[in-house]
Amino acid sequence: MTLNRRRALTFGLVAAAPAVHAQTPAAVAFKHGVAAGDPLADRLILWTRITTEPTATPAVTWQIAEEQAFARIVAKGTVIAQAASDHTVKIDVGGLKPGREYWYRFSAQGVTSPVGRARTLPVGATPDVVLAVVSCSLYPGGLFNAYEALAQQPRVDAVLHLGDYIYEYGAEPGQYGMEIGSKIGRVPDPPHEIVSLADYRRRHALYKADADLQAAHARAAWICVWDDHETANDSWIGGAENHQPEKEGVWATRKAAALKAYFEWMPIRDPKGRMAEAIQRSFDFGDLATLIMVETRLQARSEQLSFAKDLPITAGPDGRPNIDVKGFIARLNAPERALLGQEQEAWIGGELKRSRQSGRKWQVIGNQVVMARVFGPDLEKVAGPAWPEILAGLDEATRNEVAQAAQLFKLGLPMNLDSWDGYPAARERLYDLFKAADANPIVLAGDSHAFWVNDLLDASGRRVAWELGSTGITSPSWGDSAPKLPLGAAVTARNDEVIFNDQLSKGFALLTLTPDGAKAELFAVSTILAKPYETRRVATARSSSQAGALKRPTMD
């Protein structure tokens, strides 16, 4: 596919006055595109980054207009790009009209940026809203074809990125994604695992230089939240699985560097008056829906349990292994295990009630990890006689991982302890908030690199929400580890809450909300290894809420 890109339009720059001596202006370029984010009814965040000399302080002019030709400019200004913020520029533009599309651009020293467009949030009667849902873009894992395909959609009111916008891994052989990355020339920069502020800035710069990602940013305003890889894999309040203090220093120092780079490089409104980790926020789409973006990693999350460390295995009297599954489940269900934390839970409860009391039909939860109860299927039974052949066809590391998972799944244990399944008490507390507000929640999830449509039930079996999980842009899934296993179908058959699961596709989702119902369209690209590619609709799910009762989603 080819993307029709807008021509750049030039406009004059109001230059900054020289300090003491006249100097030759440093060359500048807009190598990282433009972006808009965190739309409100009257405001938009505009973002770009200037490539210039390290100590330069170029003046950057911005304009926002009501039409593409910029004949009706409604706001403009000039800011200084500073090295202290890595020459990124972020403006919170106010005074805009609700529910309308705007075009914006930047200029510095006679060089003009690409043009972006973004829509403010509607107020009052709102017949529909179309939201794109994306997550998990591993640079060496493949081409960002799904971002380009998203940019070509005829209507996108906003793009919701649920995390893993970047990944922290290096380019060494065996690192995550490098089997593909080394073949197609997608090599991380810097080539080592990122730890310092300079490292995180370079990794963000690498991603933002990608033309397909730039096209998606220029298409609509983005509403983003991080997951774990914006800091390090499986992060929690006190550390991360992929952080070794003895080699990589104090976790708080690394986290602070990662978050500073994130706020510099992302079109997100800084959390003024709050700690940097507190990026939970809400957005009202007229009288139709409230989007509640939550943070599940750095504020309150208890450390993940793991089967390797926390599932006791002792030798029984007959020499066979004795596995204390009950003890493990008891630890998993401990009420003190947190994901959101008390403060954020209270805020979510208040936002749910505010949304419902104001008459809004839908409450959309922008969440990072899968919320449904998902137990692993019996992989040997699913594979049947082909099981030995499937294992033999895998590399040694993957073979051992799959074989171990097969044994654990037979014990009736969850598939993923990093998801809400690792925090059952916290999940029930959130479900109690849904019920207390009489909400109509649609939970969004990323992280798993798979498509999901789930029917969320509380501990008593009462339906409390439905869940849309969007697959990765490029990141590999469980299904990619053993593509001959019909894993998606097996997961669906094993779990009452799972209505649809696709473990192989890479792409994005479109969520359309109306007063009568919600529709989720799951789109996949045919390849992430090359261009051209094709885009197809994998599945469509629909749900409604009638007479105060949520309906189980159905698949077209």
Protein backbone atom coordinates (compact mmCIF):
# COMPACT_ATOMS: atom_id res chain seq x y z
CA MET A 1 0.00 0.00 0.00
CA THR A 2 1.05 3.54 -0.52
CA LEU A 3 -0.05 6.35 1.69
CA ASN A 4 -1.13 9.61 0.15
CA ARG A 5 0.86 12.14 2.12
CA ARG A 6 0.04 15.82 2.22
CA ARG A 7 2.43 18.23 0.65
CA ALA A 8 4.28 20.41 3.10
CA LEU A 9 3.17 24.03 3.07
CA THR A 10 5.61 26.81 3.82
CA PHE A 11 4.96 29.86 5.86
CA GLY A 12 7.00 32.70 7.39
CA LEU A 13 8.83 32.48 10.68
CA VAL A 14 9.04 35.20 13.29
CA ALA A 15 12.72 34.89 14.14
CA ALA A 16 14.11 35.30 17.62
CA ALA A 17 16.29 38.36 18.13
CA PRO A 18 20.05 37.71 18.29
CA ALA A 19 21.60 37.90 21.73
CA VAL A 20 24.78 39.97 21.34
CA HIS A 21 26.48 39.07 18.10
CA ALA A 22 24.72 38.12 14.88
CA GLN A 23 25.06 34.37 14.34
CA THR A 24 24.44 32.14 11.38
CA PRO A 25 21.26 30.19 12.17
CA ALA A 26 21.87 26.50 12.76
CA ALA A 27 20.34 24.16 10.21
CA VAL A 28 17.11 22.60 11.41
CA ALA A 29 14.89 19.74 10.29
CA PHE A 30 11.61 18.11 11.32
CA LYS A 31 12.79 14.50 11.14
CA HIS A 32 10.33 13.17 13.71
CA GLY A 33 7.04 14.40 12.31
CA VAL A 34 4.25 16.11 14.21
CA ALA A 35 1.64 14.93 16.67
CA ALA A 36 -1.40 16.09 18.60
CA GLY A 37 -2.77 14.61 21.78
CA ASP A 38 -4.99 14.76 24.85
CA PRO A 39 -7.89 16.52 23.09
CA LEU A 40 -10.45 18.41 25.13
CA ALA A 41 -13.52 20.31 23.94
CA ASP A 42 -11.47 23.51 23.62
CA ARG A 43 -7.83 22.38 23.70
CA LEU A 44 -5.22 20.26 21.93
CA ILE A 45 -1.62 19.39 22.73
CA LEU A 46 0.59 20.01 19.67
CA TRP A 47 4.02 18.35 19.48
CA THR A 48 7.09 18.25 17.30
CA ARG A 49 10.83 17.88 17.62
CA ILE A 50 13.54 20.00 15.99
CA THR A 51 16.75 18.36 14.79
CA THR A 52 19.45 20.99 15.26
CA GLU A 53 22.85 21.58 16.85
CA PRO A 54 23.07 20.26 20.44
CA THR A 55 23.31 23.70 22.05
CA ALA A 56 21.07 25.59 19.61
CA THR A 57 17.87 27.29 20.78
CA PRO A 58 15.84 27.80 17.59
CA ALA A 59 12.55 29.69 17.62
CA VAL A 60 9.69 27.50 16.44
CA THR A 61 6.45 28.95 15.13
CA TRP A 62 3.24 26.94 15.26
CA GLN A 63 -0.08 27.51 13.52
CA ILE A 64 -3.48 25.84 13.82
CA ALA A 65 -6.18 26.38 11.21
CA GLU A 66 -9.77 25.43 10.45
CA GLU A 67 -8.95 24.03 7.02
CA GLN A 68 -6.06 22.31 5.29
CA ALA A 69 -4.92 25.29 3.20
CA PHE A 70 -4.39 27.40 6.34
CA ALA A 71 -6.47 30.27 4.98
CA ARG A 72 -8.26 30.57 8.34
CA ILE A 73 -5.61 30.42 11.05
CA VAL A 74 -7.26 30.49 14.47
CA ALA A 75 -4.19 30.37 16.72
CA LYS A 76 -0.44 30.76 16.38
CA GLY A 77 2.62 31.42 18.45
CA THR A 78 6.36 31.03 18.82
CA VAL A 79 8.29 28.95 21.33
CA ILE A 80 11.97 28.20 21.86
CA ALA A 81 13.22 24.63 21.46
CA GLN A 82 15.62 23.88 24.30
CA ALA A 83 18.29 21.24 24.72
CA ALA A 84 16.92 20.65 28.23
CA SER A 85 13.85 19.04 26.64
CA ASP A 86 15.81 17.36 23.83
CA HIS A 87 14.58 20.08 21.43
CA THR A 88 11.05 18.75 21.64
CA VAL A 89 8.23 21.31 21.50
CA LYS A 90 4.86 20.88 23.16
CA ILE A 91 2.09 23.50 23.19
CA ASP A 92 -1.27 23.31 24.99
CA VAL A 93 -3.46 25.29 22.59
CA GLY A 94 -6.73 26.63 24.03
CA GLY A 95 -9.66 28.63 22.76
CA LEU A 96 -10.72 26.05 20.16
CA LYS A 97 -14.24 25.06 19.15
CA PRO A 98 -15.67 21.72 20.28
CA GLY A 99 -16.16 18.78 17.97
CA ARG A 100 -14.32 20.08 14.96
CA GLU A 101 -11.23 19.13 13.00
CA TYR A 102 -8.16 21.36 12.91
CA TRP A 103 -4.94 21.33 10.90
CA TYR A 104 -1.61 22.32 12.42
CA ARG A 105 2.04 22.79 11.41
CA PHE A 106 5.36 24.15 12.64
CA SER A 107 8.18 26.17 11.09
CA ALA A 108 11.72 27.11 12.04
CA GLN A 109 14.32 29.05 10.06
CA GLY A 110 12.35 28.73 6.84
CA VAL A 111 11.84 24.97 7.18
CA THR A 112 8.27 23.73 7.49
CA SER A 113 7.04 20.59 9.20
CA PRO A 114 4.54 18.11 7.80
CA VAL A 115 0.90 18.98 8.43
CA GLY A 116 -1.14 17.14 11.04
CA ARG A 117 -4.83 17.13 11.85
CA ALA A 118 -6.75 16.56 15.05
CA ARG A 119 -10.30 16.86 16.33
CA THR A 120 -11.44 18.46 19.57
CA LEU A 121 -13.92 16.59 21.75
CA PRO A 122 -17.62 17.17 21.13
CA VAL A 123 -20.05 18.63 23.64
CA GLY A 124 -23.78 17.98 23.93
CA ALA A 125 -25.64 15.56 21.68
CA THR A 126 -23.13 13.20 20.05
CA PRO A 127 -24.46 10.58 17.61
CA ASP A 128 -21.27 8.51 17.41
CA VAL A 129 -17.57 8.33 18.20
CA VAL A 130 -14.86 6.32 16.37
CA LEU A 131 -11.74 5.42 18.35
CA ALA A 132 -8.69 3.54 17.07
CA VAL A 133 -7.01 1.24 19.60
CA VAL A 134 -3.33 0.29 19.28
CA SER A 135 -0.51 -1.11 21.40
CA CYS A 136 2.83 -2.90 21.40
CA SER A 137 5.10 -1.70 18.59
CA LEU A 138 8.43 -3.54 18.71
CA TYR A 139 10.77 -1.78 16.25
CA PRO A 140 12.90 -4.80 15.28
CA GLY A 141 9.80 -7.01 15.29
CA GLY A 142 8.66 -5.80 11.88
CA LEU A 143 7.48 -2.88 9.79
CA PHE A 144 4.84 -0.57 11.24
CA ASN A 145 2.41 -1.36 8.42
CA ALA A 146 -0.50 -1.33 10.84
CA TYR A 147 0.19 2.30 11.72
CA GLU A 148 0.09 3.20 8.04
CA ALA A 149 -3.14 1.24 7.58
CA LEU A 150 -4.67 3.08 10.52
CA ALA A 151 -3.70 6.41 8.95
CA GLN A 152 -5.70 5.48 5.85
CA GLN A 153 -8.96 4.89 7.70
CA PRO A 154 -11.73 7.24 6.50
CA ARG A 155 -12.66 8.29 10.03
CA VAL A 156 -10.71 8.28 13.28
CA ASP A 157 -11.77 10.71 16.01
CA ALA A 158 -8.85 9.79 18.27
CA VAL A 159 -6.17 7.12 18.58
CA LEU A 160 -5.81 5.36 21.94
CA HIS A 161 -2.35 3.91 22.55
CA LEU A 162 -2.45 1.49 25.48
CA GLY A 163 1.28 1.14 25.97
CA ASP A 164 4.52 -0.46 24.86
CA TYR A 165 4.99 2.42 22.43
CA ILE A 166 8.73 1.71 22.62
CA TYR A 167 10.73 -1.28 23.89
CA GLU A 168 13.88 -1.13 25.96
CA TYR A 169 15.83 -4.11 24.57
CA GLY A 170 19.12 -3.92 22.69
CA ALA A 171 20.24 -5.23 19.31
CA GLU A 172 22.39 -8.15 20.43
CA PRO A 173 21.65 -11.57 18.90
CA GLY A 174 18.87 -13.26 20.84
CA GLN A 175 17.34 -9.99 22.04
CA TYR A 176 13.58 -9.61 21.68
CA GLY A 177 12.65 -9.25 18.01
CA MET A 178 16.18 -9.35 16.61
CA GLU A 179 15.63 -12.58 14.70
CA ILE A 180 13.41 -10.53 12.39
CA GLY A 181 15.10 -7.17 12.90
CA SER A 182 18.50 -8.37 11.72
CA LYS A 183 16.95 -9.73 8.53
CA ILE A 184 14.93 -6.66 7.55
CA GLY A 185 17.29 -3.96 8.79
CA ARG A 186 15.28 -2.84 11.83
CA VAL A 187 18.04 -2.42 14.40
CA PRO A 188 17.39 -0.62 17.70
CA ASP A 189 19.23 2.62 18.47
CA PRO A 190 21.09 2.75 20.73
CA PRO A 191 22.12 -0.86 20.12
CA HIS A 192 22.24 -1.67 23.84
CA GLU A 193 19.43 -1.91 26.38
CA ILE A 194 18.31 1.59 27.29
CA VAL A 195 18.88 2.74 30.87
CA SER A 196 19.89 6.43 30.91
CA LEU A 197 17.97 9.55 29.87
CA ALA A 198 20.11 9.83 26.73
CA ASP A 199 19.29 6.19 25.92
CA TYR A 200 15.54 6.63 26.28
CA ARG A 201 15.62 9.81 24.20
CA ARG A 202 17.47 8.04 21.38
CA ARG A 203 14.99 5.17 21.41
CA HIS A 204 12.01 7.54 21.22
CA ALA A 205 13.76 9.37 18.37
CA LEU A 206 14.22 6.10 16.48
CA TYR A 207 10.53 5.30 16.71
CA LYS A 208 9.34 8.81 15.83
CA ALA A 209 11.55 8.77 12.71
CA ASP A 210 9.46 5.91 11.29
CA ALA A 211 7.32 7.19 8.38
CA ASP A 212 4.36 4.91 9.16
CA LEU A 213 4.20 6.01 12.78
CA GLN A 214 4.47 9.63 11.67
CA ALA A 215 1.51 9.12 9.33
CA ALA A 216 -0.61 7.70 12.15
CA HIS A 217 0.27 10.60 14.43
CA ALA A 218 -0.59 13.12 11.72
CA ARG A 219 -3.98 11.44 11.14
CA ALA A 220 -5.65 12.21 14.50
CA ALA A 221 -5.05 13.22 18.09
CA TRP A 222 -3.57 10.47 20.28
CA ILE A 223 -4.47 9.66 23.88
CA CYS A 224 -1.65 7.59 25.35
CA VAL A 225 -0.64 5.72 28.46
CA TRP A 226 2.47 3.68 29.08
CA ASP A 227 2.67 -0.01 29.88
CA ASP A 228 5.89 -1.67 31.06
CA HIS A 229 8.36 -1.40 28.16
CA GLU A 230 8.45 2.38 28.23
CA THR A 231 10.49 1.72 31.38
CA ALA A 232 11.42 -1.99 31.52
CA ASN A 233 9.68 -5.35 31.14
CA ASP A 234 7.15 -6.30 33.83
CA SER A 235 7.63 -3.10 35.80
CA TRP A 236 5.95 -2.64 39.18
CA ILE A 237 6.14 0.01 41.91
CA GLY A 238 9.51 -1.15 43.20
CA GLY A 239 11.33 -2.40 40.12
CA ALA A 240 11.01 -4.54 37.00
CA GLU A 241 11.81 -8.04 35.82
CA ASN A 242 14.21 -6.52 33.28
CA HIS A 243 16.03 -4.26 35.72
CA GLN A 244 19.11 -5.54 37.54
CA PRO A 245 20.21 -2.97 40.16
CA GLU A 246 23.69 -4.42 40.44
CA LYS A 247 24.31 -3.67 36.75
CA GLU A 248 21.81 -0.95 35.88
CA GLY A 249 21.70 1.18 39.01
CA VAL A 250 18.85 2.39 41.16
CA TRP A 251 15.37 1.67 39.75
CA ALA A 252 14.05 5.10 40.70
CA THR A 253 16.81 6.76 38.66
CA ARG A 254 16.08 4.66 35.59
CA LYS A 255 12.34 5.19 35.95
CA ALA A 256 12.77 8.96 36.25
CA ALA A 257 14.86 9.01 33.08
CA ALA A 258 12.29 6.95 31.19
CA LEU A 259 9.39 9.16 32.29
CA LYS A 260 11.21 12.40 31.50
CA ALA A 261 11.88 11.14 27.96
CA TYR A 262 8.27 9.96 27.67
CA PHE A 263 6.82 13.35 28.58
CA GLU A 264 9.27 15.08 26.25
CA TRP A 265 8.56 12.88 23.24
CA MET A 266 4.83 12.13 23.58
CA PRO A 267 1.85 14.43 22.85
CA ILE A 268 0.54 14.15 26.38
CA ARG A 269 -0.46 16.80 28.91
CA ASP A 270 1.99 16.82 31.83
CA PRO A 271 0.42 15.90 35.21
CA LYS A 272 0.82 19.28 36.91
CA GLY A 273 0.78 19.18 40.68
CA ARG A 274 1.00 15.39 40.75
CA MET A 275 3.79 12.86 40.64
CA ALA A 276 4.95 11.95 37.15
CA GLU A 277 3.54 8.43 37.47
CA ALA A 278 -0.01 9.77 37.89
CA ILE A 279 -1.10 9.92 34.25
CA GLN A 280 -4.63 8.64 34.86
CA ARG A 281 -7.06 11.10 33.28
CA SER A 282 -10.50 11.20 31.67
CA PHE A 283 -12.06 12.57 28.48
CA ASP A 284 -15.75 13.24 27.82
CA PHE A 285 -17.07 12.64 24.31
CA GLY A 286 -20.19 14.78 24.40
CA ASP A 287 -23.18 13.13 26.06
CA LEU A 288 -22.17 9.72 24.70
CA ALA A 289 -19.10 8.39 26.50
CA THR A 290 -16.36 8.99 29.03
CA LEU A 291 -12.89 7.59 28.40
CA ILE A 292 -11.03 6.80 31.63
CA MET A 293 -7.32 6.18 31.09
CA VAL A 294 -5.78 4.27 34.00
CA GLU A 295 -2.20 3.57 35.08
CA THR A 296 -1.41 -0.01 36.10
CA ARG A 297 2.39 -0.12 36.36
CA LEU A 298 4.30 2.42 38.39
CA GLN A 299 2.04 3.95 41.05
CA ALA A 300 0.86 0.99 43.07
CA ARG A 301 1.37 -2.39 41.36
CA SER A 302 2.57 -5.15 43.66
CA GLU A 303 5.38 -7.30 42.35
CA GLN A 304 4.22 -10.04 40.02
CA LEU A 305 4.20 -13.59 41.29
CA SER A 306 5.93 -16.10 39.05
CA PHE A 307 5.52 -19.82 38.61
CA ALA A 308 9.29 -20.30 38.80
CA LYS A 309 9.75 -18.51 42.14
CA ASP A 310 6.39 -18.72 43.87
CA LEU A 311 4.85 -22.09 42.99
CA PRO A 312 6.24 -24.49 45.62
CA ILE A 313 7.29 -27.87 44.25
CA THR A 314 8.51 -30.55 46.65
CA ALA A 315 9.16 -34.25 46.34
CA GLY A 316 6.22 -36.41 47.38
CA PRO A 317 6.51 -39.71 49.26
CA ASP A 318 6.39 -41.62 45.98
CA GLY A 319 9.11 -39.46 44.45
CA ARG A 320 6.71 -37.54 42.23
CA PRO A 321 6.63 -33.75 42.42
CA ASN A 322 4.14 -32.30 44.89
CA ILE A 323 2.91 -28.93 43.61
CA ASP A 324 1.18 -26.66 46.12
CA VAL A 325 -1.39 -25.13 43.78
CA LYS A 326 -3.75 -24.17 46.63
CA GLY A 327 -1.01 -22.27 48.42
CA PHE A 328 -0.10 -20.44 45.24
CA ILE A 329 -3.71 -19.46 44.53
CA ALA A 330 -4.07 -18.22 48.11
CA ARG A 331 -1.06 -15.93 47.64
CA LEU A 332 -2.43 -14.76 44.30
CA ASN A 333 -5.76 -13.85 45.92
CA ALA A 334 -4.26 -11.90 48.82
CA PRO A 335 -6.38 -8.74 49.22
CA GLU A 336 -3.34 -6.51 49.71
CA ARG A 337 -2.06 -7.24 46.19
CA ALA A 338 -2.62 -3.99 44.29
CA LEU A 339 -2.66 -2.94 40.66
CA LEU A 340 -4.26 0.52 40.75
CA GLY A 341 -3.88 1.51 44.39
CA GLN A 342 -6.47 3.02 46.73
CA GLU A 343 -6.11 6.60 45.48
CA GLN A 344 -6.58 5.67 41.84
CA GLU A 345 -9.43 3.28 42.64
CA ALA A 346 -11.25 6.10 44.43
CA TRP A 347 -10.67 8.43 41.48
CA ILE A 348 -11.98 5.83 39.00
CA GLY A 349 -15.08 5.30 41.13
CA GLY A 350 -15.73 9.02 41.14
CA GLU A 351 -15.27 9.33 37.38
CA LEU A 352 -17.63 6.42 36.72
CA LYS A 353 -20.35 7.98 38.88
CA ARG A 354 -19.82 11.42 37.34
CA SER A 355 -20.14 9.99 33.85
CA ARG A 356 -23.32 8.06 34.61
CA GLN A 357 -24.93 10.87 36.58
CA SER A 358 -24.33 13.22 33.65
CA GLY A 359 -26.25 10.80 31.42
CA ARG A 360 -23.38 9.38 29.38
CA LYS A 361 -24.11 5.92 28.01
CA TRP A 362 -20.63 4.38 27.85
CA GLN A 363 -17.66 4.31 30.21
CA VAL A 364 -14.54 3.22 28.30
CA ILE A 365 -11.57 2.09 30.41
CA GLY A 366 -8.19 2.65 28.74
CA ASN A 367 -6.32 -0.13 30.51
CA GLN A 368 -3.03 -1.83 29.69
CA VAL A 369 -3.37 -5.57 30.42
CA VAL A 370 -6.05 -8.20 29.77
CA MET A 371 -8.74 -8.17 32.46
CA ALA A 372 -10.66 -11.38 31.72
CA ARG A 373 -10.06 -14.63 33.57
CA VAL A 374 -7.95 -16.64 31.13
CA PHE A 375 -6.78 -20.16 31.93
CA GLY A 376 -4.27 -21.91 29.74
CA PRO A 377 -5.64 -24.67 27.49
CA ASP A 378 -4.34 -28.23 27.49
CA LEU A 379 -1.77 -27.75 24.73
CA GLU A 380 -1.00 -31.45 24.31
CA LYS A 381 -4.70 -32.24 23.91
CA VAL A 382 -5.14 -29.38 21.45
CA ALA A 383 -2.18 -30.53 19.36
CA GLY A 384 -3.11 -34.21 19.50
CA PRO A 385 -0.74 -36.60 17.72
CA ALA A 386 1.14 -33.64 16.23
CA TRP A 387 2.44 -32.54 19.66
CA PRO A 388 5.91 -34.18 19.42
CA GLU A 389 6.35 -32.83 15.90
CA ILE A 390 5.31 -29.31 16.97
CA LEU A 391 7.80 -29.33 19.85
CA ALA A 392 10.56 -30.70 17.65
CA GLY A 393 10.06 -27.85 15.19
CA LEU A 394 10.79 -25.19 17.80
CA ASP A 395 14.17 -23.85 18.87
CA GLU A 396 15.40 -25.16 22.21
CA ALA A 397 14.46 -22.11 24.29
CA THR A 398 10.95 -21.89 22.84
CA ARG A 399 10.49 -25.65 23.09
CA ASN A 400 11.32 -25.61 26.79
CA GLU A 401 9.02 -22.64 27.39
CA VAL A 402 6.08 -24.23 25.56
CA ALA A 403 6.60 -27.61 27.24
CA GLN A 404 6.72 -26.00 30.69
CA ALA A 405 3.58 -23.96 29.95
CA ALA A 406 1.80 -27.12 28.85
CA GLN A 407 2.42 -28.71 32.25
CA LEU A 408 1.38 -25.59 34.19
CA PHE A 409 -1.82 -25.18 32.20
CA LYS A 410 -2.88 -28.69 33.21
CA LEU A 411 -2.97 -27.45 36.80
CA GLY A 412 -5.73 -24.95 36.03
CA LEU A 413 -3.48 -21.92 36.43
CA PRO A 414 -3.82 -18.55 34.66
CA MET A 415 -1.97 -17.95 31.40
CA ASN A 416 -0.44 -14.63 32.41
CA LEU A 417 0.42 -13.52 35.94
CA ASP A 418 1.33 -10.02 34.71
CA SER A 419 -2.29 -9.42 33.64
CA TRP A 420 -5.27 -8.84 35.95
CA ASP A 421 -5.26 -12.62 36.56
CA GLY A 422 -2.24 -11.96 38.77
CA TYR A 423 -4.32 -9.56 40.90
CA PRO A 424 -7.79 -11.12 41.40
CA ALA A 425 -8.70 -9.09 44.50
CA ALA A 426 -7.83 -5.83 42.76
CA ARG A 427 -9.97 -6.90 39.81
CA GLU A 428 -12.96 -7.54 42.07
CA ARG A 429 -12.51 -4.12 43.66
CA LEU A 430 -12.67 -2.53 40.21
CA TYR A 431 -15.75 -4.58 39.34
CA ASP A 432 -17.38 -3.33 42.55
CA LEU A 433 -16.77 0.22 41.31
CA PHE A 434 -18.45 -0.63 37.99
CA LYS A 435 -21.50 -1.95 39.83
CA ALA A 436 -21.67 0.89 42.35
CA ALA A 437 -21.83 3.42 39.52
CA ASP A 438 -24.33 1.36 37.48
CA ALA A 439 -21.83 1.79 34.65
CA ASN A 440 -21.78 0.41 31.11
CA PRO A 441 -18.05 -0.28 30.88
CA ILE A 442 -16.05 -1.28 27.85
CA VAL A 443 -12.56 -2.27 28.97
CA LEU A 444 -9.74 -1.82 26.47
CA ALA A 445 -6.53 -3.83 26.77
CA GLY A 446 -3.18 -4.11 25.03
CA ASP A 447 -0.01 -5.93 26.19
CA SER A 448 -0.87 -9.48 25.04
CA HIS A 449 -0.12 -9.02 21.31
CA ALA A 450 -3.41 -10.74 20.51
CA PHE A 451 -6.98 -9.79 19.65
CA TRP A 452 -9.60 -10.43 22.35
CA VAL A 453 -13.33 -10.01 22.78
CA ASN A 454 -14.20 -10.95 26.36
CA ASP A 455 -17.30 -11.07 28.54
CA LEU A 456 -16.20 -9.88 31.98
CA LEU A 457 -17.88 -11.58 34.96
CA ASP A 458 -17.40 -10.93 38.65
CA ALA A 459 -16.74 -13.66 41.21
CA SER A 460 -20.47 -14.42 41.44
CA GLY A 461 -20.80 -14.78 37.67
CA ARG A 462 -22.55 -11.43 37.13
CA ARG A 463 -21.72 -9.63 33.89
CA VAL A 464 -19.99 -6.33 34.69
CA ALA A 465 -18.36 -5.23 31.41
CA TRP A 466 -17.06 -6.40 28.10
CA GLU A 467 -13.47 -6.22 26.97
CA LEU A 468 -11.78 -5.39 23.67
CA GLY A 469 -8.14 -6.39 23.46
CA SER A 470 -6.12 -5.01 20.57
CA THR A 471 -3.23 -6.98 19.15
CA GLY A 472 0.30 -5.66 18.69
CA ILE A 473 1.52 -3.51 15.83
CA THR A 474 4.50 -5.87 15.46
CA SER A 475 5.21 -7.56 18.81
CA PRO A 476 5.15 -11.38 18.78
CA SER A 477 2.52 -13.31 20.70
CA TRP A 478 2.23 -16.72 22.29
CA GLY A 479 0.77 -17.88 19.01
CA ASP A 480 3.84 -16.74 17.10
CA SER A 481 5.98 -18.99 19.30
CA ALA A 482 4.16 -22.08 18.05
CA PRO A 483 2.18 -21.07 14.94
CA LYS A 484 1.08 -24.64 14.21
CA LEU A 485 -0.91 -24.73 17.44
CA PRO A 486 -4.49 -23.42 17.03
CA LEU A 487 -3.95 -21.45 20.21
CA GLY A 488 -6.60 -18.76 19.72
CA ALA A 489 -9.36 -21.30 19.21
CA ALA A 490 -8.09 -23.37 22.14
CA VAL A 491 -8.04 -20.37 24.50
CA THR A 492 -11.57 -19.46 23.44
CA ALA A 493 -12.85 -23.00 23.99
CA ARG A 494 -11.17 -23.25 27.41
CA ASN A 495 -12.52 -20.01 28.89
CA ASP A 496 -16.13 -18.96 29.46
CA GLU A 497 -15.22 -15.26 29.44
CA VAL A 498 -13.37 -15.41 26.11
CA ILE A 499 -15.62 -14.95 23.09
CA PHE A 500 -12.91 -14.43 20.47
CA ASN A 501 -9.12 -14.73 20.53
CA ASP A 502 -6.66 -14.36 17.65
CA GLN A 503 -3.05 -15.06 18.59
CA LEU A 504 -1.46 -14.50 15.17
CA SER A 505 -2.71 -11.26 13.59
CA LYS A 506 -0.93 -7.91 13.81
CA GLY A 507 -2.99 -4.75 13.43
CA PHE A 508 -5.37 -2.44 15.29
CA ALA A 509 -8.99 -2.12 16.37
CA LEU A 510 -11.68 0.46 15.66
CA LEU A 511 -14.31 1.01 18.35
CA THR A 512 -17.50 2.78 17.25
CA LEU A 513 -19.88 3.96 19.95
CA THR A 514 -23.49 5.06 19.47
CA PRO A 515 -26.36 5.55 21.94
CA ASP A 516 -27.72 2.16 20.86
CA GLY A 517 -24.61 0.03 20.94
CA ALA A 518 -20.90 -0.50 20.47
CA LYS A 519 -19.05 -2.08 17.56
CA ALA A 520 -15.45 -3.30 17.59
CA GLU A 521 -13.78 -4.00 14.24
CA LEU A 522 -10.50 -5.90 14.34
CA PHE A 523 -8.14 -5.15 11.44
CA ALA A 524 -5.00 -7.10 10.51
CA VAL A 525 -2.24 -6.46 8.01
CA SER A 526 -1.13 -9.35 5.80
CA THR A 527 2.57 -8.98 6.63
CA ILE A 528 4.92 -6.96 8.82
CA LEU A 529 8.01 -8.11 6.94
CA ALA A 530 7.67 -6.13 3.71
CA LYS A 531 5.63 -3.74 1.62
CA PRO A 532 3.18 -3.77 -0.07
CA TYR A 533 0.65 -5.41 2.22
CA GLU A 534 -3.10 -5.81 2.48
CA THR A 535 -5.46 -4.87 5.29
CA ARG A 536 -8.42 -7.08 6.17
CA ARG A 537 -11.14 -7.08 8.79
CA VAL A 538 -10.53 -10.16 10.95
CA ALA A 539 -13.73 -9.96 13.00
CA THR A 540 -16.46 -7.63 14.23
CA ALA A 541 -17.97 -7.68 17.71
CA ARG A 542 -21.14 -5.88 18.80
CA SER A 543 -22.70 -5.19 22.16
CA SER A 544 -25.50 -3.14 23.62
CA SER A 545 -26.90 -2.10 26.97
CA GLN A 546 -30.66 -2.24 27.16
CA ALA A 547 -32.96 -1.78 30.15
CA GLY A 548 -29.91 -1.31 32.38
CA ALA A 549 -28.46 -4.74 31.57
CA LEU A 550 -25.21 -5.28 29.69
CA LYS A 551 -25.48 -7.73 26.82
CA ARG A 552 -22.86 -10.35 26.03
CA PRO A 553 -20.94 -9.27 22.90
CA THR A 554 -21.74 -11.16 19.71
CA MET A 555 -19.49 -11.79 16.73
CA ASP A 556 -20.55 -11.06 13.15
